[in-house]
PDB file of N, CA and C in Angstrom:
ATOM      1  N   MET A   1       0.997  -1.261   0.220  1.00  0.00           N
ATOM      2  CA  MET A   1      -0.081   0.061  -0.077  1.00  0.00           C
ATOM      3  C   MET A   1       0.360   1.276   0.136  1.00  0.00           C
ATOM      4  N   GLY A   2       1.422   1.348   0.502  1.00  0.00           N
ATOM      5  CA  GLY A   2       2.381   2.855   0.782  1.00  0.00           C
ATOM      6  C   GLY A   2       3.151   2.564   1.990  1.00  0.00           C
ATOM      7  N   PHE A   3       4.165   3.933   2.158  1.00  0.00           N
ATOM      8  CA  PHE A   3       4.926   3.688   3.152  1.00  0.00           C
ATOM      9  C   PHE A   3       4.175   4.089   4.549  1.00  0.00           C
ATOM     10  N   LYS A   4       4.249   2.866   5.433  1.00  0.00           N
ATOM     11  CA  LYS A   4       4.032   3.591   6.828  1.00  0.00           C
ATOM     12  C   LYS A   4       4.695   3.773   7.957  1.00  0.00           C
ATOM     13  N   HIS A   5       4.857   5.039   8.301  1.00  0.00           N
ATOM     14  CA  HIS A   5       5.582   5.877   9.296  1.00  0.00           C
ATOM     15  C   HIS A   5       6.018   4.408  10.624  1.00  0.00           C
ATOM     16  N   LYS A   6       7.038   4.015  11.036  1.00  0.00           N
ATOM     17  CA  LYS A   6       7.207   2.893  12.114  1.00  0.00           C
ATOM     18  C   LYS A   6       6.118   3.708  13.330  1.00  0.00           C
ATOM     19  N   HIS A   7       6.382   5.035  13.681  1.00  0.00           N
ATOM     20  CA  HIS A   7       5.547   5.174  14.977  1.00  0.00           C
ATOM     21  C   HIS A   7       4.238   5.721  14.475  1.00  0.00           C
ATOM     22  N   GLN A   8       3.462   5.072  14.514  1.00  0.00           N
ATOM     23  CA  GLN A   8       1.962   5.128  14.043  1.00  0.00           C
ATOM     24  C   GLN A   8       1.359   6.042  15.245  1.00  0.00           C
ATOM     25  N   GLY A   9       0.666   6.905  14.744  1.00  0.00           N
ATOM     26  CA  GLY A   9       0.011   7.903  15.944  1.00  0.00           C
ATOM     27  C   GLY A   9       0.806   8.919  16.344  1.00  0.00           C
ATOM     28  N   ARG A  10       2.128   9.033  16.240  1.00  0.00           N
ATOM     29  CA  ARG A  10       3.160  10.019  16.938  1.00  0.00           C
ATOM     30  C   ARG A  10       3.721  10.244  15.815  1.00  0.00           C
ATOM     31  N   LYS A  11       4.082  12.084  15.678  1.00  0.00           N
ATOM     32  CA  LYS A  11       4.814  12.765  14.730  1.00  0.00           C
ATOM     33  C   LYS A  11       6.570  12.395  15.175  1.00  0.00           C
ATOM     34  N   PRO A  12       7.467  12.568  14.444  1.00  0.00           N
ATOM     35  CA  PRO A  12       8.620  12.519  14.638  1.00  0.00           C
ATOM     36  C   PRO A  12       9.155  13.531  15.676  1.00  0.00           C
ATOM     37  N   HIS A  13       8.645  14.557  15.399  1.00  0.00           N
ATOM     38  CA  HIS A  13       9.040  16.088  15.949  1.00  0.00           C
ATOM     39  C   HIS A  13       8.523  15.780  17.448  1.00  0.00           C
ATOM     40  N   THR A  14       7.341  15.041  17.476  1.00  0.00           N
ATOM     41  CA  THR A  14       7.132  14.901  19.134  1.00  0.00           C
ATOM     42  C   THR A  14       7.890  13.851  19.881  1.00  0.00           C
ATOM     43  N   ARG A  15       8.594  13.208  19.190  1.00  0.00           N
ATOM     44  CA  ARG A  15       9.556  12.230  20.435  1.00  0.00           C
ATOM     45  C   ARG A  15      11.227  13.153  20.123  1.00  0.00           C
ATOM     46  N   LEU A  16      11.457  14.077  19.343  1.00  0.00           N
ATOM     47  CA  LEU A  16      12.275  14.941  19.859  1.00  0.00           C
ATOM     48  C   LEU A  16      12.070  15.808  21.045  1.00  0.00           C
ATOM     49  N   SER A  17      11.228  16.420  20.792  1.00  0.00           N
ATOM     50  CA  SER A  17      10.171  17.652  21.813  1.00  0.00           C
ATOM     51  C   SER A  17      10.568  16.766  22.979  1.00  0.00           C
ATOM     52  N   ALA A  18      10.032  15.412  23.069  1.00  0.00           N
ATOM     53  CA  ALA A  18      10.103  14.952  24.582  1.00  0.00           C
ATOM     54  C   ALA A  18      11.500  14.643  24.831  1.00  0.00           C
ATOM     55  N   ARG A  19      12.525  14.678  24.248  1.00  0.00           N
ATOM     56  CA  ARG A  19      13.714  13.928  24.667  1.00  0.00           C
ATOM     57  C   ARG A  19      14.293  15.626  24.981  1.00  0.00           C
ATOM     58  N   PHE A  20      13.725  16.483  24.374  1.00  0.00           N
ATOM     59  CA  PHE A  20      14.780  18.098  24.887  1.00  0.00           C
ATOM     60  C   PHE A  20      14.028  18.374  26.326  1.00  0.00           C
ATOM     61  N   VAL A  21      12.474  18.148  26.230  1.00  0.00           N
ATOM     62  CA  VAL A  21      11.569  18.371  27.637  1.00  0.00           C
ATOM     63  C   VAL A  21      12.842  17.632  28.730  1.00  0.00           C
ATOM     64  N   LEU A  22      12.764  16.364  28.424  1.00  0.00           N
ATOM     65  CA  LEU A  22      13.830  15.523  29.182  1.00  0.00           C
ATOM     66  C   LEU A  22      15.194  16.398  29.320  1.00  0.00           C
ATOM     67  N   LEU A  23      15.661  16.615  28.559  1.00  0.00           N
ATOM     68  CA  LEU A  23      17.140  17.437  28.735  1.00  0.00           C
ATOM     69  C   LEU A  23      17.012  18.361  29.750  1.00  0.00           C
ATOM     70  N   VAL A  24      16.057  19.216  29.144  1.00  0.00           N
ATOM     71  CA  VAL A  24      15.986  20.499  30.287  1.00  0.00           C
ATOM     72  C   VAL A  24      15.561  20.259  31.305  1.00  0.00           C
ATOM     73  N   LEU A  25      14.577  19.270  31.790  1.00  0.00           N
ATOM     74  CA  LEU A  25      14.236  19.148  33.201  1.00  0.00           C
ATOM     75  C   LEU A  25      15.691  18.317  33.893  1.00  0.00           C
ATOM     76  N   ALA A  26      16.631  17.727  33.534  1.00  0.00           N
ATOM     77  CA  ALA A  26      17.381  16.930  33.746  1.00  0.00           C
ATOM     78  C   ALA A  26      18.583  18.072  34.158  1.00  0.00           C
ATOM     79  N   VAL A  27      18.753  18.905  33.273  1.00  0.00           N
ATOM     80  CA  VAL A  27      19.725  20.288  33.469  1.00  0.00           C
ATOM     81  C   VAL A  27      19.391  20.848  34.761  1.00  0.00           C
ATOM     82  N   VAL A  28      17.726  21.341  34.611  1.00  0.00           N
ATOM     83  CA  VAL A  28      17.176  21.905  36.074  1.00  0.00           C
ATOM     84  C   VAL A  28      17.190  21.557  37.422  1.00  0.00           C
ATOM     85  N   ALA A  29      17.077  20.075  37.068  1.00  0.00           N
ATOM     86  CA  ALA A  29      17.180  19.284  38.325  1.00  0.00           C
ATOM     87  C   ALA A  29      18.222  19.103  38.932  1.00  0.00           C
ATOM     88  N   ILE A  30      19.276  18.813  37.855  1.00  0.00           N
ATOM     89  CA  ILE A  30      21.277  18.943  38.382  1.00  0.00           C
ATOM     90  C   ILE A  30      21.431  20.381  38.871  1.00  0.00           C
ATOM     91  N   SER A  31      20.938  21.586  37.998  1.00  0.00           N
ATOM     92  CA  SER A  31      21.447  22.939  38.270  1.00  0.00           C
ATOM     93  C   SER A  31      20.625  23.164  40.181  1.00  0.00           C
ATOM     94  N   SER A  32      19.865  22.791  40.363  1.00  0.00           N
ATOM     95  CA  SER A  32      18.891  22.793  41.404  1.00  0.00           C
ATOM     96  C   SER A  32      19.891  22.139  42.701  1.00  0.00           C
ATOM     97  N   GLY A  33      19.904  20.753  42.219  1.00  0.00           N
ATOM     98  CA  GLY A  33      20.481  19.900  43.325  1.00  0.00           C
ATOM     99  C   GLY A  33      22.021  20.558  43.873  1.00  0.00           C
ATOM    100  N   ILE A  34      22.594  21.572  42.892  1.00  0.00           N
ATOM    101  CA  ILE A  34      24.008  22.111  43.128  1.00  0.00           C
ATOM    102  C   ILE A  34      23.837  23.658  43.537  1.00  0.00           C
ATOM    103  N   TYR A  35      22.459  24.030  43.005  1.00  0.00           N
ATOM    104  CA  TYR A  35      22.436  25.171  43.955  1.00  0.00           C
ATOM    105  C   TYR A  35      21.997  25.141  45.482  1.00  0.00           C
ATOM    106  N   PHE A  36      21.419  23.964  45.902  1.00  0.00           N
ATOM    107  CA  PHE A  36      20.955  23.542  46.963  1.00  0.00           C
ATOM    108  C   PHE A  36      21.874  23.283  48.168  1.00  0.00           C
ATOM    109  N   ALA A  37      23.084  22.308  47.526  1.00  0.00           N
ATOM    110  CA  ALA A  37      24.350  21.817  47.768  1.00  0.00           C
ATOM    111  C   ALA A  37      24.839  23.364  48.433  1.00  0.00           C
ATOM    112  N   TRP A  38      25.390  23.988  47.531  1.00  0.00           N
ATOM    113  CA  TRP A  38      26.363  25.569  47.678  1.00  0.00           C
ATOM    114  C   TRP A  38      25.671  26.180  48.695  1.00  0.00           C
ATOM    115  N   ASN A  39      23.930  26.220  48.605  1.00  0.00           N
ATOM    116  CA  ASN A  39      23.392  27.223  49.482  1.00  0.00           C
ATOM    117  C   ASN A  39      23.578  26.436  51.108  1.00  0.00           C
ATOM    118  N   HIS A  40      23.269  25.286  51.442  1.00  0.00           N
ATOM    119  CA  HIS A  40      23.215  24.806  52.320  1.00  0.00           C
ATOM    120  C   HIS A  40      24.695  24.648  53.131  1.00  0.00           C
ATOM    121  N   SER A  41      25.725  24.663  52.190  1.00  0.00           N
ATOM    122  CA  SER A  41      26.998  24.603  52.411  1.00  0.00           C
ATOM    123  C   SER A  41      27.387  26.117  53.272  1.00  0.00           C
ATOM    124  N   ALA A  42      26.984  27.496  52.256  1.00  0.00           N
ATOM    125  CA  ALA A  42      27.234  28.709  52.754  1.00  0.00           C
ATOM    126  C   ALA A  42      26.634  28.927  54.053  1.00  0.00           C
ATOM    127  N   GLN A  43      25.182  28.338  54.580  1.00  0.00           N
ATOM    128  CA  GLN A  43      24.587  28.524  55.595  1.00  0.00           C
ATOM    129  C   GLN A  43      25.417  28.214  56.950  1.00  0.00           C
ATOM    130  N   GLN A  44      26.058  26.802  56.266  1.00  0.00           N
ATOM    131  CA  GLN A  44      26.402  26.229  57.630  1.00  0.00           C
ATOM    132  C   GLN A  44      28.059  26.663  57.692  1.00  0.00           C
ATOM    133  N   ASP A  45      28.782  27.432  57.134  1.00  0.00           N
ATOM    134  CA  ASP A  45      29.546  28.227  57.306  1.00  0.00           C
ATOM    135  C   ASP A  45      29.337  29.531  57.984  1.00  0.00           C
ATOM    136  N   ALA A  46      28.423  29.862  57.463  1.00  0.00           N
ATOM    137  CA  ALA A  46      27.887  30.928  58.715  1.00  0.00           C
ATOM    138  C   ALA A  46      27.461  31.277  59.672  1.00  0.00           C
ATOM    139  N   LEU A  47      26.809  29.536  60.076  1.00  0.00           N
ATOM    140  CA  LEU A  47      26.607  29.421  61.138  1.00  0.00           C
ATOM    141  C   LEU A  47      27.886  29.207  62.057  1.00  0.00           C
ATOM    142  N   VAL A  48      28.649  28.946  61.346  1.00  0.00           N
ATOM    143  CA  VAL A  48      29.920  28.140  62.178  1.00  0.00           C
ATOM    144  C   VAL A  48      30.714  29.510  62.511  1.00  0.00           C
ATOM    145  N   SER A  49      30.673  30.447  61.569  1.00  0.00           N
ATOM    146  CA  SER A  49      31.485  31.753  61.726  1.00  0.00           C
ATOM    147  C   SER A  49      30.917  32.886  63.278  1.00  0.00           C
ATOM    148  N   ARG A  50      29.221  32.433  63.276  1.00  0.00           N
ATOM    149  CA  ARG A  50      28.719  33.175  64.001  1.00  0.00           C
ATOM    150  C   ARG A  50      28.905  32.437  65.602  1.00  0.00           C
ATOM    151  N   VAL A  51      28.969  30.962  65.364  1.00  0.00           N
ATOM    152  CA  VAL A  51      29.209  30.206  66.884  1.00  0.00           C
ATOM    153  C   VAL A  51      30.480  30.682  67.460  1.00  0.00           C
ATOM    154  N   LEU A  52      31.411  30.745  66.450  1.00  0.00           N
ATOM    155  CA  LEU A  52      32.595  30.902  66.547  1.00  0.00           C
ATOM    156  C   LEU A  52      33.057  32.690  67.520  1.00  0.00           C
ATOM    157  N   SER A  53      31.979  33.425  66.902  1.00  0.00           N
ATOM    158  CA  SER A  53      32.206  34.614  67.105  1.00  0.00           C
ATOM    159  C   SER A  53      31.602  34.957  68.682  1.00  0.00           C
ATOM    160  N   GLU A  54      30.474  34.204  68.819  1.00  0.00           N
ATOM    161  CA  GLU A  54      29.856  34.232  70.402  1.00  0.00           C
ATOM    162  C   GLU A  54      30.845  33.560  71.183  1.00  0.00           C
ATOM    163  N   ALA A  55      31.265  32.598  70.655  1.00  0.00           N
ATOM    164  CA  ALA A  55      32.555  31.885  72.001  1.00  0.00           C
ATOM    165  C   ALA A  55      33.693  32.680  72.219  1.00  0.00           C
ATOM    166  N   ARG A  56      34.105  33.234  70.917  1.00  0.00           N
ATOM    167  CA  ARG A  56      35.346  33.961  71.654  1.00  0.00           C
ATOM    168  C   ARG A  56      34.571  35.246  72.201  1.00  0.00           C
ATOM    169  N   SER A  57      33.561  35.791  72.495  1.00  0.00           N
ATOM    170  CA  SER A  57      32.983  36.713  72.852  1.00  0.00           C
ATOM    171  C   SER A  57      33.079  36.427  74.545  1.00  0.00           C
ATOM    172  N   LEU A  58      32.119  35.259  74.839  1.00  0.00           N
ATOM    173  CA  LEU A  58      32.390  34.743  76.098  1.00  0.00           C
ATOM    174  C   LEU A  58      33.353  34.430  76.989  1.00  0.00           C
ATOM    175  N   ASN A  59      34.574  33.949  75.457  1.00  0.00           N
ATOM    176  CA  ASN A  59      35.919  33.723  76.576  1.00  0.00           C
ATOM    177  C   ASN A  59      36.697  35.239  77.032  1.00  0.00           C
ATOM    178  N   ARG A  60      36.270  35.780  76.198  1.00  0.00           N
ATOM    179  CA  ARG A  60      36.968  37.192  76.793  1.00  0.00           C
ATOM    180  C   ARG A  60      36.189  37.787  77.907  1.00  0.00           C
ATOM    181  N   GLU A  61      34.736  37.684  77.881  1.00  0.00           N
ATOM    182  CA  GLU A  61      34.154  38.042  79.273  1.00  0.00           C
ATOM    183  C   GLU A  61      34.385  37.272  80.409  1.00  0.00           C
ATOM    184  N   MET A  62      34.977  35.723  79.950  1.00  0.00           N
ATOM    185  CA  MET A  62      35.423  34.859  81.314  1.00  0.00           C
ATOM    186  C   MET A  62      36.791  35.522  82.099  1.00  0.00           C
ATOM    187  N   LEU A  63      37.451  35.278  80.877  1.00  0.00           N
ATOM    188  CA  LEU A  63      38.633  35.946  81.110  1.00  0.00           C
ATOM    189  C   LEU A  63      38.779  37.059  82.079  1.00  0.00           C
ATOM    190  N   ALA A  64      37.954  38.521  81.608  1.00  0.00           N
ATOM    191  CA  ALA A  64      38.165  39.672  82.401  1.00  0.00           C
ATOM    192  C   ALA A  64      37.282  39.350  83.638  1.00  0.00           C
ATOM    193  N   THR A  65      36.553  38.346  83.742  1.00  0.00           N
ATOM    194  CA  THR A  65      35.895  38.461  85.083  1.00  0.00           C
ATOM    195  C   THR A  65      37.117  37.635  85.792  1.00  0.00           C
ATOM    196  N   TRP A  66      37.351  36.906  85.823  1.00  0.00           N
ATOM    197  CA  TRP A  66      38.779  35.950  86.711  1.00  0.00           C
ATOM    198  C   TRP A  66      39.791  37.155  86.892  1.00  0.00           C
ATOM    199  N   ASP A  67      40.257  37.943  85.667  1.00  0.00           N
ATOM    200  CA  ASP A  67      41.057  39.054  86.336  1.00  0.00           C
ATOM    201  C   ASP A  67      40.931  40.190  87.090  1.00  0.00           C
ATOM    202  N   TYR A  68      39.541  40.153  86.963  1.00  0.00           N
ATOM    203  CA  TYR A  68      38.792  41.184  88.215  1.00  0.00           C
ATOM    204  C   TYR A  68      38.865  40.414  89.143  1.00  0.00           C
ATOM    205  N   ILE A  69      38.735  39.248  89.442  1.00  0.00           N
ATOM    206  CA  ILE A  69      38.453  38.543  90.703  1.00  0.00           C
ATOM    207  C   ILE A  69      40.055  38.207  91.298  1.00  0.00           C
ATOM    208  N   ASP A  70      41.082  38.046  90.247  1.00  0.00           N
ATOM    209  CA  ASP A  70      41.933  38.236  90.763  1.00  0.00           C
ATOM    210  C   ASP A  70      43.009  39.141  91.085  1.00  0.00           C
ATOM    211  N   ALA A  71      41.856  40.402  90.332  1.00  0.00           N
ATOM    212  CA  ALA A  71      42.907  42.024  91.017  1.00  0.00           C
ATOM    213  C   ALA A  71      42.380  42.133  92.345  1.00  0.00           C
ATOM    214  N   SER A  72      41.186  41.556  92.705  1.00  0.00           N
ATOM    215  CA  SER A  72      40.207  42.027  94.064  1.00  0.00           C
ATOM    216  C   SER A  72      40.116  40.719  94.752  1.00  0.00           C
ATOM    217  N   GLN A  73      41.152  40.027  94.504  1.00  0.00           N
ATOM    218  CA  GLN A  73      41.219  38.626  95.861  1.00  0.00           C
ATOM    219  C   GLN A  73      41.199  39.272  96.987  1.00  0.00           C
ATOM    220  N   ASP A  74      42.417  40.128  97.488  1.00  0.00           N
ATOM    221  CA  ASP A  74      42.644  40.751  98.836  1.00  0.00           C
ATOM    222  C   ASP A  74      41.761  40.895  99.499  1.00  0.00           C
ATOM    223  N   ARG A  75      40.652  41.846  98.761  1.00  0.00           N
ATOM    224  CA  ARG A  75      39.105  42.328  99.352  1.00  0.00           C
ATOM    225  C   ARG A  75      38.478  41.333  99.521  1.00  0.00           C
ATOM    226  N   ILE A  76      38.093  40.022  98.864  1.00  0.00           N
ATOM    227  CA  ILE A  76      37.226  39.298  98.998  1.00  0.00           C
ATOM    228  C   ILE A  76      38.002  38.442  99.961  1.00  0.00           C
ATOM    229  N   ASN A  77      38.891  38.189 100.119  1.00  0.00           N
ATOM    230  CA  ASN A  77      39.205  37.409 101.444  1.00  0.00           C
ATOM    231  C   ASN A  77      38.933  38.359 102.452  1.00  0.00           C
TER     232      ASN A  77
END
């Protein structure tokens, strides 16, 4: 009868479009994964920095307190 397309009911460009959509989705998924991993790492670094800053501040306050107690020890006794 004539030439029949091997994908009956589907046009060839539909298959190409589906591949393109899958490729775009894969790129978006990978990019999103990288972004979220980087964002999480940056937030962790900022948290560690804030905690270290607070710890250093508390350390200075404790040292100042001990220095005051040492200087006032004769009056305390």
